[in-house]
C-alpha cells in the first residue's frame, strides 16, 4: 500500500527502513524519500515507526 503518494513509497519500503534502524520521520525521509513531499504522510510514517517499537540492541555477552 502506498503511504507516501508524493514519492510513491510503499509500506514495505518504509518497514524495511525501520527494520534497518530508522527511528524518526526525518530518518525515514533521508533513507527512502518518504515524507519528503507535502508532508501529508508524516502521521502514517510516525504510526509505522511507533508500531515497530524500540530498536533492540544486541545482547552484550558476559565474560563471567
PDB file of N, CA and C in Angstrom:
ATOM      1  N   UNK A   1       0.847  -1.160   0.000  1.00  0.00           N
ATOM      2  CA  UNK A   1       0.000   0.000   0.000  1.00  0.00           C
ATOM      3  C   UNK A   1       0.905   1.240   0.000  1.00  0.00           C
ATOM      4  N   UNK A   2       0.531   2.223  -0.802  1.00  0.00           N
ATOM      5  CA  UNK A   2       1.296   3.467  -0.813  1.00  0.00           C
ATOM      6  C   UNK A   2       1.028   4.258   0.464  1.00  0.00           C
ATOM      7  N   UNK A   3       2.082   4.672   1.105  1.00  0.00           N
ATOM      8  CA  UNK A   3       1.987   5.515   2.294  1.00  0.00           C
ATOM      9  C   UNK A   3       2.309   6.953   1.893  1.00  0.00           C
ATOM     10  N   UNK A   4       3.357   7.122   1.108  1.00  0.00           N
ATOM     11  CA  UNK A   4       3.756   8.440   0.620  1.00  0.00           C
ATOM     12  C   UNK A   4       3.414   8.520  -0.866  1.00  0.00           C
ATOM     13  N   UNK A   5       2.369   9.255  -1.181  1.00  0.00           N
ATOM     14  CA  UNK A   5       1.912   9.369  -2.561  1.00  0.00           C
ATOM     15  C   UNK A   5       2.810  10.296  -3.374  1.00  0.00           C
ATOM     16  N   UNK A   6       3.354  11.322  -2.774  1.00  0.00           N
ATOM     17  CA  UNK A   6       4.226  12.261  -3.495  1.00  0.00           C
ATOM     18  C   UNK A   6       5.448  11.557  -4.077  1.00  0.00           C
ATOM     19  N   UNK A   7       6.015  10.630  -3.309  1.00  0.00           N
ATOM     20  CA  UNK A   7       7.236   9.942  -3.717  1.00  0.00           C
ATOM     21  C   UNK A   7       6.975   8.502  -4.136  1.00  0.00           C
ATOM     22  N   UNK A   8       5.698   8.064  -4.105  1.00  0.00           N
ATOM     23  CA  UNK A   8       5.296   6.702  -4.479  1.00  0.00           C
ATOM     24  C   UNK A   8       6.072   5.646  -3.684  1.00  0.00           C
ATOM     25  N   UNK A   9       6.063   5.802  -2.355  1.00  0.00           N
ATOM     26  CA  UNK A   9       6.771   4.882  -1.462  1.00  0.00           C
ATOM     27  C   UNK A   9       5.737   4.031  -0.715  1.00  0.00           C
ATOM     28  N   UNK A  10       5.970   2.722  -0.714  1.00  0.00           N
ATOM     29  CA  UNK A  10       5.029   1.803  -0.081  1.00  0.00           C
ATOM     30  C   UNK A  10       5.410   1.493   1.365  1.00  0.00           C
ATOM     31  N   UNK A  11       4.460   0.876   2.053  1.00  0.00           N
ATOM     32  CA  UNK A  11       4.700   0.469   3.432  1.00  0.00           C
ATOM     33  C   UNK A  11       5.832  -0.546   3.519  1.00  0.00           C
ATOM     34  N   UNK A  12       6.035  -1.354   2.517  1.00  0.00           N
ATOM     35  CA  UNK A  12       7.116  -2.342   2.545  1.00  0.00           C
ATOM     36  C   UNK A  12       8.481  -1.661   2.566  1.00  0.00           C
ATOM     37  N   UNK A  13       8.625  -0.618   1.763  1.00  0.00           N
ATOM     38  CA  UNK A  13       9.887   0.123   1.740  1.00  0.00           C
ATOM     39  C   UNK A  13      10.136   0.791   3.081  1.00  0.00           C
ATOM     40  N   UNK A  14       9.087   1.366   3.656  1.00  0.00           N
ATOM     41  CA  UNK A  14       9.208   2.050   4.949  1.00  0.00           C
ATOM     42  C   UNK A  14       9.496   1.030   6.054  1.00  0.00           C
ATOM     43  N   UNK A  15       8.819  -0.107   6.020  1.00  0.00           N
ATOM     44  CA  UNK A  15       9.079  -1.154   7.010  1.00  0.00           C
ATOM     45  C   UNK A  15      10.530  -1.631   6.939  1.00  0.00           C
ATOM     46  N   UNK A  16      11.079  -1.741   5.735  1.00  0.00           N
ATOM     47  CA  UNK A  16      12.482  -2.152   5.581  1.00  0.00           C
ATOM     48  C   UNK A  16      13.416  -1.104   6.180  1.00  0.00           C
ATOM     49  N   UNK A  17      13.101   0.168   5.978  1.00  0.00           N
ATOM     50  CA  UNK A  17      13.921   1.235   6.560  1.00  0.00           C
ATOM     51  C   UNK A  17      13.875   1.169   8.082  1.00  0.00           C
ATOM     52  N   UNK A  18      12.690   0.944   8.626  1.00  0.00           N
ATOM     53  CA  UNK A  18      12.530   0.849  10.076  1.00  0.00           C
ATOM     54  C   UNK A  18      13.298  -0.363  10.607  1.00  0.00           C
ATOM     55  N   UNK A  19      13.218  -1.472   9.899  1.00  0.00           N
ATOM     56  CA  UNK A  19      13.932  -2.684  10.320  1.00  0.00           C
ATOM     57  C   UNK A  19      15.445  -2.478  10.317  1.00  0.00           C
ATOM     58  N   UNK A  20      15.918  -1.546   9.488  1.00  0.00           N
ATOM     59  CA  UNK A  20      17.359  -1.296   9.428  1.00  0.00           C
ATOM     60  C   UNK A  20      17.829  -0.307  10.493  1.00  0.00           C
ATOM     61  N   UNK A  21      16.881   0.214  11.303  1.00  0.00           N
ATOM     62  CA  UNK A  21      17.279   1.059  12.415  1.00  0.00           C
ATOM     63  C   UNK A  21      16.758   2.475  12.403  1.00  0.00           C
ATOM     64  N   UNK A  22      16.017   2.859  11.375  1.00  0.00           N
ATOM     65  CA  UNK A  22      15.449   4.202  11.303  1.00  0.00           C
ATOM     66  C   UNK A  22      14.404   4.363  12.409  1.00  0.00           C
ATOM     67  N   UNK A  23      14.440   5.500  13.131  1.00  0.00           N
ATOM     68  CA  UNK A  23      13.505   5.694  14.235  1.00  0.00           C
ATOM     69  C   UNK A  23      12.843   7.067  14.266  1.00  0.00           C
ATOM     70  N   UNK A  24      13.022   7.888  13.247  1.00  0.00           N
ATOM     71  CA  UNK A  24      12.313   9.171  13.171  1.00  0.00           C
ATOM     72  C   UNK A  24      11.813   9.380  11.753  1.00  0.00           C
ATOM     73  N   UNK A  25      10.828  10.260  11.616  1.00  0.00           N
ATOM     74  CA  UNK A  25      10.305  10.584  10.292  1.00  0.00           C
ATOM     75  C   UNK A  25      11.417  11.169   9.419  1.00  0.00           C
ATOM     76  N   UNK A  26      12.243  12.023   9.990  1.00  0.00           N
ATOM     77  CA  UNK A  26      13.349  12.617   9.227  1.00  0.00           C
ATOM     78  C   UNK A  26      14.309  11.541   8.729  1.00  0.00           C
ATOM     79  N   UNK A  27      14.569  10.537   9.532  1.00  0.00           N
ATOM     80  CA  UNK A  27      15.448   9.449   9.111  1.00  0.00           C
ATOM     81  C   UNK A  27      14.809   8.621   8.002  1.00  0.00           C
ATOM     82  N   UNK A  28      13.490   8.402   8.084  1.00  0.00           N
ATOM     83  CA  UNK A  28      12.776   7.698   7.015  1.00  0.00           C
ATOM     84  C   UNK A  28      12.934   8.476   5.714  1.00  0.00           C
ATOM     85  N   UNK A  29      12.722   9.788   5.769  1.00  0.00           N
ATOM     86  CA  UNK A  29      12.838  10.629   4.579  1.00  0.00           C
ATOM     87  C   UNK A  29      14.246  10.554   4.003  1.00  0.00           C
ATOM     88  N   UNK A  30      15.251  10.612   4.850  1.00  0.00           N
ATOM     89  CA  UNK A  30      16.635  10.537   4.383  1.00  0.00           C
ATOM     90  C   UNK A  30      16.937   9.176   3.761  1.00  0.00           C
ATOM     91  N   UNK A  31      16.345   8.116   4.303  1.00  0.00           N
ATOM     92  CA  UNK A  31      16.653   6.764   3.837  1.00  0.00           C
ATOM     93  C   UNK A  31      15.938   6.427   2.532  1.00  0.00           C
ATOM     94  N   UNK A  32      14.623   6.801   2.422  1.00  0.00           N
ATOM     95  CA  UNK A  32      13.866   6.326   1.255  1.00  0.00           C
ATOM     96  C   UNK A  32      12.991   7.390   0.590  1.00  0.00           C
ATOM     97  N   UNK A  33      13.120   8.643   0.987  1.00  0.00           N
ATOM     98  CA  UNK A  33      12.401   9.787   0.420  1.00  0.00           C
ATOM     99  C   UNK A  33      10.948   9.908   0.890  1.00  0.00           C
ATOM    100  N   UNK A  34      10.398   8.921   1.563  1.00  0.00           N
ATOM    101  CA  UNK A  34       9.015   9.026   2.041  1.00  0.00           C
ATOM    102  C   UNK A  34       8.901  10.207   2.989  1.00  0.00           C
ATOM    103  N   UNK A  35       7.887  11.028   2.800  1.00  0.00           N
ATOM    104  CA  UNK A  35       7.693  12.197   3.643  1.00  0.00           C
ATOM    105  C   UNK A  35       8.401  13.432   3.143  1.00  0.00           C
ATOM    106  N   UNK A  36       9.073  13.327   2.029  1.00  0.00           N
ATOM    107  CA  UNK A  36       9.852  14.437   1.512  1.00  0.00           C
ATOM    108  C   UNK A  36       9.080  15.395   0.625  1.00  0.00           C
ATOM    109  N   UNK A  37       7.811  15.113   0.353  1.00  0.00           N
ATOM    110  CA  UNK A  37       6.996  15.973  -0.492  1.00  0.00           C
ATOM    111  C   UNK A  37       6.155  16.913   0.352  1.00  0.00           C
ATOM    112  N   UNK A  38       4.861  16.687   0.342  1.00  0.00           N
ATOM    113  CA  UNK A  38       3.927  17.604   1.012  1.00  0.00           C
ATOM    114  C   UNK A  38       3.894  17.436   2.529  1.00  0.00           C
ATOM    115  N   UNK A  39       4.336  16.274   3.028  1.00  0.00           N
ATOM    116  CA  UNK A  39       4.315  16.024   4.477  1.00  0.00           C
ATOM    117  C   UNK A  39       3.016  15.420   4.971  1.00  0.00           C
ATOM    118  N   UNK A  40       2.084  15.180   4.081  1.00  0.00           N
ATOM    119  CA  UNK A  40       0.801  14.622   4.487  1.00  0.00           C
ATOM    120  C   UNK A  40       0.877  13.223   5.067  1.00  0.00           C
ATOM    121  N   UNK A  41       1.950  12.514   4.802  1.00  0.00           N
ATOM    122  CA  UNK A  41       2.092  11.147   5.293  1.00  0.00           C
ATOM    123  C   UNK A  41       2.867  11.055   6.601  1.00  0.00           C
ATOM    124  N   UNK A  42       3.303  12.175   7.138  1.00  0.00           N
ATOM    125  CA  UNK A  42       4.128  12.136   8.351  1.00  0.00           C
ATOM    126  C   UNK A  42       3.437  11.405   9.497  1.00  0.00           C
ATOM    127  N   UNK A  43       2.147  11.573   9.657  1.00  0.00           N
ATOM    128  CA  UNK A  43       1.410  10.867  10.704  1.00  0.00           C
ATOM    129  C   UNK A  43       1.442   9.361  10.498  1.00  0.00           C
ATOM    130  N   UNK A  44       1.272   8.929   9.252  1.00  0.00           N
ATOM    131  CA  UNK A  44       1.316   7.500   8.939  1.00  0.00           C
ATOM    132  C   UNK A  44       2.726   6.951   9.136  1.00  0.00           C
ATOM    133  N   UNK A  45       3.740   7.730   8.759  1.00  0.00           N
ATOM    134  CA  UNK A  45       5.122   7.304   8.974  1.00  0.00           C
ATOM    135  C   UNK A  45       5.403   7.127  10.463  1.00  0.00           C
ATOM    136  N   UNK A  46       4.974   8.086  11.269  1.00  0.00           N
ATOM    137  CA  UNK A  46       5.189   8.003  12.710  1.00  0.00           C
ATOM    138  C   UNK A  46       4.456   6.807  13.292  1.00  0.00           C
ATOM    139  N   UNK A  47       3.253   6.517  12.791  1.00  0.00           N
ATOM    140  CA  UNK A  47       2.495   5.360  13.280  1.00  0.00           C
ATOM    141  C   UNK A  47       3.241   4.059  12.969  1.00  0.00           C
ATOM    142  N   UNK A  48       3.844   3.952  11.791  1.00  0.00           N
ATOM    143  CA  UNK A  48       4.617   2.762  11.451  1.00  0.00           C
ATOM    144  C   UNK A  48       5.848   2.633  12.342  1.00  0.00           C
ATOM    145  N   UNK A  49       6.501   3.746  12.600  1.00  0.00           N
ATOM    146  CA  UNK A  49       7.669   3.739  13.497  1.00  0.00           C
ATOM    147  C   UNK A  49       7.247   3.310  14.893  1.00  0.00           C
ATOM    148  N   UNK A  50       6.159   3.892  15.392  1.00  0.00           N
ATOM    149  CA  UNK A  50       5.675   3.555  16.737  1.00  0.00           C
ATOM    150  C   UNK A  50       5.279   2.088  16.839  1.00  0.00           C
ATOM    151  N   UNK A  51       4.649   1.561  15.792  1.00  0.00           N
ATOM    152  CA  UNK A  51       4.206   0.166  15.811  1.00  0.00           C
ATOM    153  C   UNK A  51       5.380  -0.799  15.837  1.00  0.00           C
ATOM    154  N   UNK A  52       6.517  -0.372  15.304  1.00  0.00           N
ATOM    155  CA  UNK A  52       7.707  -1.233  15.285  1.00  0.00           C
ATOM    156  C   UNK A  52       8.320  -1.375  16.666  1.00  0.00           C
ATOM    157  N   UNK A  53       8.054  -0.427  17.558  1.00  0.00           N
ATOM    158  CA  UNK A  53       8.607  -0.495  18.901  1.00  0.00           C
ATOM    159  C   UNK A  53      10.046  -0.017  18.935  1.00  0.00           C
ATOM    160  N   UNK A  54      10.661  -0.100  20.094  1.00  0.00           N
ATOM    161  CA  UNK A  54      12.037   0.381  20.238  1.00  0.00           C
ATOM    162  C   UNK A  54      13.020  -0.501  19.481  1.00  0.00           C
ATOM    163  N   UNK A  55      14.088   0.095  19.048  1.00  0.00           N
ATOM    164  CA  UNK A  55      15.163  -0.635  18.387  1.00  0.00           C
ATOM    165  C   UNK A  55      15.806  -1.544  19.415  1.00  0.00           C
ATOM    166  N   UNK A  56      15.919  -2.787  19.075  1.00  0.00           N
ATOM    167  CA  UNK A  56      16.521  -3.745  20.006  1.00  0.00           C
ATOM    168  C   UNK A  56      18.028  -3.750  19.833  1.00  0.00           C
ATOM    169  N   UNK A  57      18.726  -3.562  20.938  1.00  0.00           N
ATOM    170  CA  UNK A  57      20.186  -3.595  20.941  1.00  0.00           C
ATOM    171  C   UNK A  57      20.625  -5.054  21.068  1.00  0.00           C
ATOM    172  N   UNK A  58      21.704  -5.431  20.436  1.00  0.00           N
ATOM    173  CA  UNK A  58      22.197  -6.799  20.616  1.00  0.00           C
ATOM    174  C   UNK A  58      22.579  -7.038  22.072  1.00  0.00           C
ATOM    175  N   UNK A  59      22.313  -8.224  22.558  1.00  0.00           N
ATOM    176  CA  UNK A  59      22.646  -8.562  23.953  1.00  0.00           C
ATOM    177  C   UNK A  59      24.151  -8.571  24.126  1.00  0.00           C
ATOM    178  N   UNK A  60      24.603  -7.975  25.193  1.00  0.00           N
ATOM    179  CA  UNK A  60      26.032  -7.958  25.490  1.00  0.00           C
ATOM    180  C   UNK A  60      26.425  -9.325  26.015  1.00  0.00           C
ATOM    181  N   UNK A  61      27.522  -9.831  25.536  1.00  0.00           N
ATOM    182  CA  UNK A  61      27.984 -11.120  26.020  1.00  0.00           C
ATOM    183  C   UNK A  61      28.682 -10.926  27.364  1.00  0.00           C
ATOM    184  N   UNK A  62      28.487 -11.867  28.212  1.00  0.00           N
ATOM    185  CA  UNK A  62      29.065 -11.794  29.542  1.00  0.00           C
ATOM    186  C   UNK A  62      30.344 -12.638  29.586  1.00  0.00           C
ATOM    187  N   UNK A  63      31.386 -12.083  30.177  1.00  0.00           N
ATOM    188  CA  UNK A  63      32.644 -12.813  30.322  1.00  0.00           C
ATOM    189  C   UNK A  63      32.644 -13.702  31.560  1.00  0.00           C
ATOM    190  N   UNK A  64      31.585 -13.624  32.357  1.00  0.00           N
ATOM    191  CA  UNK A  64      31.545 -14.375  33.595  1.00  0.00           C
ATOM    192  C   UNK A  64      31.186 -15.811  33.401  1.00  0.00           C
TER     193      UNK A  64
END
